PDB file of all heavy atoms in Angstrom:
ATOM      1  N   ASP A   1      -1.622   1.107  -3.554  1.00  0.00           N
ATOM      2  CA  ASP A   1      -1.949   2.335  -4.278  1.00  0.00           C
ATOM      3  C   ASP A   1      -1.797   3.512  -3.327  1.00  0.00           C
ATOM      4  O   ASP A   1      -1.436   3.333  -2.149  1.00  0.00           O
ATOM      5  CB  ASP A   1      -3.356   2.283  -4.886  1.00  0.00           C
ATOM      6  CG  ASP A   1      -4.457   2.079  -3.852  1.00  0.00           C
ATOM      7  OD1 ASP A   1      -4.189   2.173  -2.634  1.00  0.00           O
ATOM      8  OD2 ASP A   1      -5.609   1.816  -4.266  1.00  0.00           O
ATOM      9  N   ALA A   2      -2.078   4.710  -3.836  1.00  0.00           N
ATOM     10  CA  ALA A   2      -1.842   5.901  -3.023  1.00  0.00           C
ATOM     11  C   ALA A   2      -2.741   5.944  -1.792  1.00  0.00           C
ATOM     12  O   ALA A   2      -2.289   6.304  -0.701  1.00  0.00           O
ATOM     13  CB  ALA A   2      -2.049   7.157  -3.869  1.00  0.00           C
ATOM     14  N   VAL A   3      -4.011   5.557  -1.934  1.00  0.00           N
ATOM     15  CA  VAL A   3      -4.915   5.667  -0.789  1.00  0.00           C
ATOM     16  C   VAL A   3      -4.587   4.619   0.271  1.00  0.00           C
ATOM     17  O   VAL A   3      -4.656   4.902   1.478  1.00  0.00           O
ATOM     18  CB  VAL A   3      -6.397   5.607  -1.223  1.00  0.00           C
ATOM     19  CG1 VAL A   3      -6.796   4.236  -1.729  1.00  0.00           C
ATOM     20  CG2 VAL A   3      -7.308   6.056  -0.078  1.00  0.00           C
ATOM     21  N   SER A   4      -4.202   3.412  -0.138  1.00  0.00           N
ATOM     22  CA  SER A   4      -3.800   2.432   0.868  1.00  0.00           C
ATOM     23  C   SER A   4      -2.504   2.871   1.550  1.00  0.00           C
ATOM     24  O   SER A   4      -2.317   2.659   2.757  1.00  0.00           O
ATOM     25  CB  SER A   4      -3.652   1.028   0.256  1.00  0.00           C
ATOM     26  OG  SER A   4      -2.650   0.993  -0.734  1.00  0.00           O
ATOM     27  N   ALA A   5      -1.604   3.514   0.801  1.00  0.00           N
ATOM     28  CA  ALA A   5      -0.362   4.023   1.392  1.00  0.00           C
ATOM     29  C   ALA A   5      -0.656   5.098   2.426  1.00  0.00           C
ATOM     30  O   ALA A   5      -0.110   5.078   3.541  1.00  0.00           O
ATOM     31  CB  ALA A   5       0.551   4.567   0.296  1.00  0.00           C
ATOM     32  N   ARG A   6      -1.514   6.052   2.072  1.00  0.00           N
ATOM     33  CA  ARG A   6      -1.840   7.117   3.030  1.00  0.00           C
ATOM     34  C   ARG A   6      -2.551   6.557   4.253  1.00  0.00           C
ATOM     35  O   ARG A   6      -2.327   7.012   5.381  1.00  0.00           O
ATOM     36  CB  ARG A   6      -2.703   8.186   2.354  1.00  0.00           C
ATOM     37  CG  ARG A   6      -1.953   9.056   1.363  1.00  0.00           C
ATOM     38  CD  ARG A   6      -2.759  10.284   0.997  1.00  0.00           C
ATOM     39  NE  ARG A   6      -3.983   9.950   0.281  1.00  0.00           N
ATOM     40  CZ  ARG A   6      -4.097   9.880  -1.039  1.00  0.00           C
ATOM     41  NH1 ARG A   6      -3.042  10.143  -1.797  1.00  0.00           N
ATOM     42  NH2 ARG A   6      -5.236   9.578  -1.609  1.00  0.00           N
ATOM     43  N   THR A   7      -3.413   5.560   4.044  1.00  0.00           N
ATOM     44  CA  THR A   7      -4.169   4.976   5.156  1.00  0.00           C
ATOM     45  C   THR A   7      -3.239   4.290   6.150  1.00  0.00           C
ATOM     46  O   THR A   7      -3.362   4.472   7.367  1.00  0.00           O
ATOM     47  CB  THR A   7      -5.198   3.970   4.616  1.00  0.00           C
ATOM     48  OG1 THR A   7      -6.108   4.664   3.743  1.00  0.00           O
ATOM     49  CG2 THR A   7      -5.984   3.324   5.736  1.00  0.00           C
ATOM     50  N   VAL A   8      -2.297   3.511   5.643  1.00  0.00           N
ATOM     51  CA  VAL A   8      -1.367   2.812   6.528  1.00  0.00           C
ATOM     52  C   VAL A   8      -0.384   3.792   7.159  1.00  0.00           C
ATOM     53  O   VAL A   8      -0.080   3.707   8.359  1.00  0.00           O
ATOM     54  CB  VAL A   8      -0.629   1.700   5.761  1.00  0.00           C
ATOM     55  CG1 VAL A   8       0.485   1.095   6.608  1.00  0.00           C
ATOM     56  CG2 VAL A   8      -1.612   0.618   5.326  1.00  0.00           C
ATOM     57  N   ALA A   9       0.105   4.739   6.380  1.00  0.00           N
ATOM     58  CA  ALA A   9       1.079   5.703   6.899  1.00  0.00           C
ATOM     59  C   ALA A   9       0.508   6.540   8.036  1.00  0.00           C
ATOM     60  O   ALA A   9       1.258   7.004   8.904  1.00  0.00           O
ATOM     61  CB  ALA A   9       1.562   6.613   5.772  1.00  0.00           C
ATOM     62  N   ALA A  10      -0.807   6.718   8.044  1.00  0.00           N
ATOM     63  CA  ALA A  10      -1.445   7.546   9.078  1.00  0.00           C
ATOM     64  C   ALA A  10      -1.533   6.845  10.427  1.00  0.00           C
ATOM     65  O   ALA A  10      -1.846   7.489  11.433  1.00  0.00           O
ATOM     66  CB  ALA A  10      -2.844   7.952   8.618  1.00  0.00           C
ATOM     67  N   VAL A  11      -1.271   5.552  10.460  1.00  0.00           N
ATOM     68  CA  VAL A  11      -1.372   4.800  11.704  1.00  0.00           C
ATOM     69  C   VAL A  11      -0.142   5.071  12.572  1.00  0.00           C
ATOM     70  O   VAL A  11       0.998   4.934  12.110  1.00  0.00           O
ATOM     71  CB  VAL A  11      -1.503   3.287  11.425  1.00  0.00           C
ATOM     72  CG1 VAL A  11      -1.453   2.488  12.724  1.00  0.00           C
ATOM     73  CG2 VAL A  11      -2.793   3.003  10.676  1.00  0.00           C
ATOM     74  N   GLU A  12      -0.375   5.460  13.823  1.00  0.00           N
ATOM     75  CA  GLU A  12       0.723   5.737  14.731  1.00  0.00           C
ATOM     76  C   GLU A  12       1.610   4.504  14.869  1.00  0.00           C
ATOM     77  O   GLU A  12       1.124   3.384  15.035  1.00  0.00           O
ATOM     78  CB  GLU A  12       0.178   6.129  16.102  1.00  0.00           C
ATOM     79  CG  GLU A  12       1.255   6.518  17.104  1.00  0.00           C
ATOM     80  CD  GLU A  12       0.688   6.964  18.432  1.00  0.00           C
ATOM     81  OE1 GLU A  12      -0.563   7.055  18.549  1.00  0.00           O
ATOM     82  OE2 GLU A  12       1.484   7.224  19.354  1.00  0.00           O
ATOM     83  N   GLY A  13       2.902   4.705  14.767  1.00  0.00           N
ATOM     84  CA  GLY A  13       3.863   3.607  14.862  1.00  0.00           C
ATOM     85  C   GLY A  13       4.376   3.118  13.531  1.00  0.00           C
ATOM     86  O   GLY A  13       5.379   2.394  13.487  1.00  0.00           O
ATOM     87  N   THR A  14       3.712   3.498  12.433  1.00  0.00           N
ATOM     88  CA  THR A  14       4.180   3.089  11.108  1.00  0.00           C
ATOM     89  C   THR A  14       5.429   3.881  10.754  1.00  0.00           C
ATOM     90  O   THR A  14       5.415   5.113  10.752  1.00  0.00           O
ATOM     91  CB  THR A  14       3.094   3.314  10.051  1.00  0.00           C
ATOM     92  OG1 THR A  14       1.932   2.566  10.395  1.00  0.00           O
ATOM     93  CG2 THR A  14       3.582   2.876   8.673  1.00  0.00           C
ATOM     94  N   ARG A  15       6.498   3.175  10.448  1.00  0.00           N
ATOM     95  CA  ARG A  15       7.789   3.838  10.206  1.00  0.00           C
ATOM     96  C   ARG A  15       8.276   3.707   8.767  1.00  0.00           C
ATOM     97  O   ARG A  15       9.189   4.405   8.332  1.00  0.00           O
ATOM     98  CB  ARG A  15       8.839   3.254  11.159  1.00  0.00           C
ATOM     99  CG  ARG A  15       8.559   3.565  12.628  1.00  0.00           C
ATOM    100  CD  ARG A  15       9.395   2.704  13.553  1.00  0.00           C
ATOM    101  NE  ARG A  15       8.951   1.311  13.512  1.00  0.00           N
ATOM    102  CZ  ARG A  15       9.710   0.274  13.854  1.00  0.00           C
ATOM    103  NH1 ARG A  15      10.957   0.469  14.232  1.00  0.00           N
ATOM    104  NH2 ARG A  15       9.219  -0.955  13.807  1.00  0.00           N
ATOM    105  N   ALA A  16       7.683   2.796   8.020  1.00  0.00           N
ATOM    106  CA  ALA A  16       8.063   2.580   6.623  1.00  0.00           C
ATOM    107  C   ALA A  16       6.923   1.851   5.936  1.00  0.00           C
ATOM    108  O   ALA A  16       6.067   1.250   6.587  1.00  0.00           O
ATOM    109  CB  ALA A  16       9.355   1.776   6.523  1.00  0.00           C
ATOM    110  N   LEU A  17       6.923   1.917   4.614  1.00  0.00           N
ATOM    111  CA  LEU A  17       5.925   1.219   3.820  1.00  0.00           C
ATOM    112  C   LEU A  17       6.611   0.258   2.857  1.00  0.00           C
ATOM    113  O   LEU A  17       7.762   0.464   2.466  1.00  0.00           O
ATOM    114  CB  LEU A  17       5.078   2.205   3.008  1.00  0.00           C
ATOM    115  CG  LEU A  17       4.221   3.205   3.780  1.00  0.00           C
ATOM    116  CD1 LEU A  17       3.466   4.092   2.800  1.00  0.00           C
ATOM    117  CD2 LEU A  17       3.261   2.503   4.716  1.00  0.00           C
ATOM    118  N   ALA A  18       5.868  -0.776   2.489  1.00  0.00           N
ATOM    119  CA  ALA A  18       6.333  -1.710   1.463  1.00  0.00           C
ATOM    120  C   ALA A  18       5.180  -1.993   0.523  1.00  0.00           C
ATOM    121  O   ALA A  18       4.031  -2.133   0.959  1.00  0.00           O
ATOM    122  CB  ALA A  18       6.837  -3.000   2.091  1.00  0.00           C
ATOM    123  N   THR A  19       5.473  -2.059  -0.763  1.00  0.00           N
ATOM    124  CA  THR A  19       4.436  -2.397  -1.729  1.00  0.00           C
ATOM    125  C   THR A  19       4.341  -3.913  -1.865  1.00  0.00           C
ATOM    126  O   THR A  19       5.242  -4.648  -1.470  1.00  0.00           O
ATOM    127  CB  THR A  19       4.734  -1.786  -3.106  1.00  0.00           C
ATOM    128  OG1 THR A  19       5.832  -2.477  -3.716  1.00  0.00           O
ATOM    129  CG2 THR A  19       5.056  -0.301  -2.993  1.00  0.00           C
ATOM    130  N   ALA A  20       3.235  -4.368  -2.429  1.00  0.00           N
ATOM    131  CA  ALA A  20       3.034  -5.788  -2.729  1.00  0.00           C
ATOM    132  C   ALA A  20       2.800  -5.906  -4.230  1.00  0.00           C
ATOM    133  O   ALA A  20       1.801  -5.400  -4.744  1.00  0.00           O
ATOM    134  CB  ALA A  20       1.845  -6.343  -1.953  1.00  0.00           C
ATOM    135  N   SER A  21       3.716  -6.556  -4.928  1.00  0.00           N
ATOM    136  CA  SER A  21       3.605  -6.637  -6.387  1.00  0.00           C
ATOM    137  C   SER A  21       2.345  -7.380  -6.815  1.00  0.00           C
ATOM    138  O   SER A  21       1.683  -6.997  -7.789  1.00  0.00           O
ATOM    139  CB  SER A  21       4.843  -7.322  -6.965  1.00  0.00           C
ATOM    140  OG  SER A  21       4.956  -8.656  -6.486  1.00  0.00           O
ATOM    141  N   HIS A  22       2.017  -8.452  -6.095  1.00  0.00           N
ATOM    142  CA  HIS A  22       0.811  -9.225  -6.403  1.00  0.00           C
ATOM    143  C   HIS A  22      -0.411  -8.318  -6.328  1.00  0.00           C
ATOM    144  O   HIS A  22      -1.284  -8.342  -7.216  1.00  0.00           O
ATOM    145  CB  HIS A  22       0.702 -10.389  -5.408  1.00  0.00           C
ATOM    146  CG  HIS A  22      -0.397 -11.365  -5.712  1.00  0.00           C
ATOM    147  ND1 HIS A  22      -0.322 -12.687  -5.358  1.00  0.00           N
ATOM    148  CD2 HIS A  22      -1.606 -11.215  -6.317  1.00  0.00           C
ATOM    149  CE1 HIS A  22      -1.432 -13.314  -5.742  1.00  0.00           C
ATOM    150  NE2 HIS A  22      -2.232 -12.431  -6.315  1.00  0.00           N
ATOM    151  N   SER A  23      -0.480  -7.503  -5.282  1.00  0.00           N
ATOM    152  CA  SER A  23      -1.632  -6.625  -5.076  1.00  0.00           C
ATOM    153  C   SER A  23      -1.715  -5.548  -6.143  1.00  0.00           C
ATOM    154  O   SER A  23      -2.808  -5.226  -6.636  1.00  0.00           O
ATOM    155  CB  SER A  23      -1.560  -5.994  -3.685  1.00  0.00           C
ATOM    156  OG  SER A  23      -1.540  -6.988  -2.680  1.00  0.00           O
ATOM    157  N   ILE A  24      -0.575  -4.963  -6.498  1.00  0.00           N
ATOM    158  CA  ILE A  24      -0.579  -3.942  -7.551  1.00  0.00           C
ATOM    159  C   ILE A  24      -1.014  -4.558  -8.875  1.00  0.00           C
ATOM    160  O   ILE A  24      -1.869  -4.007  -9.587  1.00  0.00           O
ATOM    161  CB  ILE A  24       0.808  -3.286  -7.668  1.00  0.00           C
ATOM    162  CG1 ILE A  24       1.093  -2.431  -6.429  1.00  0.00           C
ATOM    163  CG2 ILE A  24       0.891  -2.431  -8.941  1.00  0.00           C
ATOM    164  CD1 ILE A  24       2.481  -1.829  -6.397  1.00  0.00           C
ATOM    165  N   ALA A  25      -0.450  -5.712  -9.217  1.00  0.00           N
ATOM    166  CA  ALA A  25      -0.837  -6.366 -10.470  1.00  0.00           C
ATOM    167  C   ALA A  25      -2.329  -6.664 -10.486  1.00  0.00           C
ATOM    168  O   ALA A  25      -3.021  -6.395 -11.480  1.00  0.00           O
ATOM    169  CB  ALA A  25      -0.027  -7.649 -10.646  1.00  0.00           C
ATOM    170  N   ALA A  26      -2.846  -7.204  -9.389  1.00  0.00           N
ATOM    171  CA  ALA A  26      -4.270  -7.546  -9.331  1.00  0.00           C
ATOM    172  C   ALA A  26      -5.154  -6.322  -9.487  1.00  0.00           C
ATOM    173  O   ALA A  26      -6.217  -6.383 -10.120  1.00  0.00           O
ATOM    174  CB  ALA A  26      -4.572  -8.252  -8.011  1.00  0.00           C
ATOM    175  N   SER A  27      -4.721  -5.198  -8.930  1.00  0.00           N
ATOM    176  CA  SER A  27      -5.544  -3.989  -9.013  1.00  0.00           C
ATOM    177  C   SER A  27      -5.655  -3.471 -10.440  1.00  0.00           C
ATOM    178  O   SER A  27      -6.587  -2.727 -10.767  1.00  0.00           O
ATOM    179  CB  SER A  27      -4.984  -2.901  -8.092  1.00  0.00           C
ATOM    180  OG  SER A  27      -3.749  -2.395  -8.572  1.00  0.00           O
ATOM    181  N   PHE A  28      -4.711  -3.887 -11.310  1.00  0.00           N
ATOM    182  CA  PHE A  28      -4.774  -3.509 -12.726  1.00  0.00           C
ATOM    183  C   PHE A  28      -5.264  -4.668 -13.608  1.00  0.00           C
ATOM    184  O   PHE A  28      -5.257  -4.563 -14.837  1.00  0.00           O
ATOM    185  CB  PHE A  28      -3.406  -3.044 -13.214  1.00  0.00           C
ATOM    186  CG  PHE A  28      -3.042  -1.658 -12.758  1.00  0.00           C
ATOM    187  CD1 PHE A  28      -2.199  -1.472 -11.681  1.00  0.00           C
ATOM    188  CD2 PHE A  28      -3.559  -0.544 -13.388  1.00  0.00           C
ATOM    189  CE1 PHE A  28      -1.858  -0.205 -11.246  1.00  0.00           C
ATOM    190  CE2 PHE A  28      -3.233   0.741 -12.975  1.00  0.00           C
ATOM    191  CZ  PHE A  28      -2.380   0.911 -11.887  1.00  0.00           C
ATOM    192  N   GLY A  29      -5.667  -5.779 -12.994  1.00  0.00           N
ATOM    193  CA  GLY A  29      -6.217  -6.894 -13.752  1.00  0.00           C
ATOM    194  C   GLY A  29      -5.201  -7.872 -14.280  1.00  0.00           C
ATOM    195  O   GLY A  29      -5.529  -8.702 -15.145  1.00  0.00           O
ATOM    196  N   TYR A  30      -3.968  -7.830 -13.756  1.00  0.00           N
ATOM    197  CA  TYR A  30      -2.924  -8.753 -14.211  1.00  0.00           C
ATOM    198  C   TYR A  30      -2.726  -9.878 -13.198  1.00  0.00           C
ATOM    199  O   TYR A  30      -2.855  -9.668 -11.992  1.00  0.00           O
ATOM    200  CB  TYR A  30      -1.591  -8.022 -14.381  1.00  0.00           C
ATOM    201  CG  TYR A  30      -1.564  -7.035 -15.525  1.00  0.00           C
ATOM    202  CD1 TYR A  30      -1.836  -5.691 -15.314  1.00  0.00           C
ATOM    203  CD2 TYR A  30      -1.266  -7.453 -16.822  1.00  0.00           C
ATOM    204  CE1 TYR A  30      -1.807  -4.766 -16.356  1.00  0.00           C
ATOM    205  CE2 TYR A  30      -1.241  -6.542 -17.887  1.00  0.00           C
ATOM    206  CZ  TYR A  30      -1.510  -5.202 -17.634  1.00  0.00           C
ATOM    207  OH  TYR A  30      -1.496  -4.303 -18.671  1.00  0.00           O
TER     208      TYR A  30
END
């Protein structure tokens, strides 16, 4: 989600992000 993206992106050395479909589905109850 947006807050997990911002949290990880703020870490020094992070150069790219990847989503996790399982995690997104679970966060919506699927």
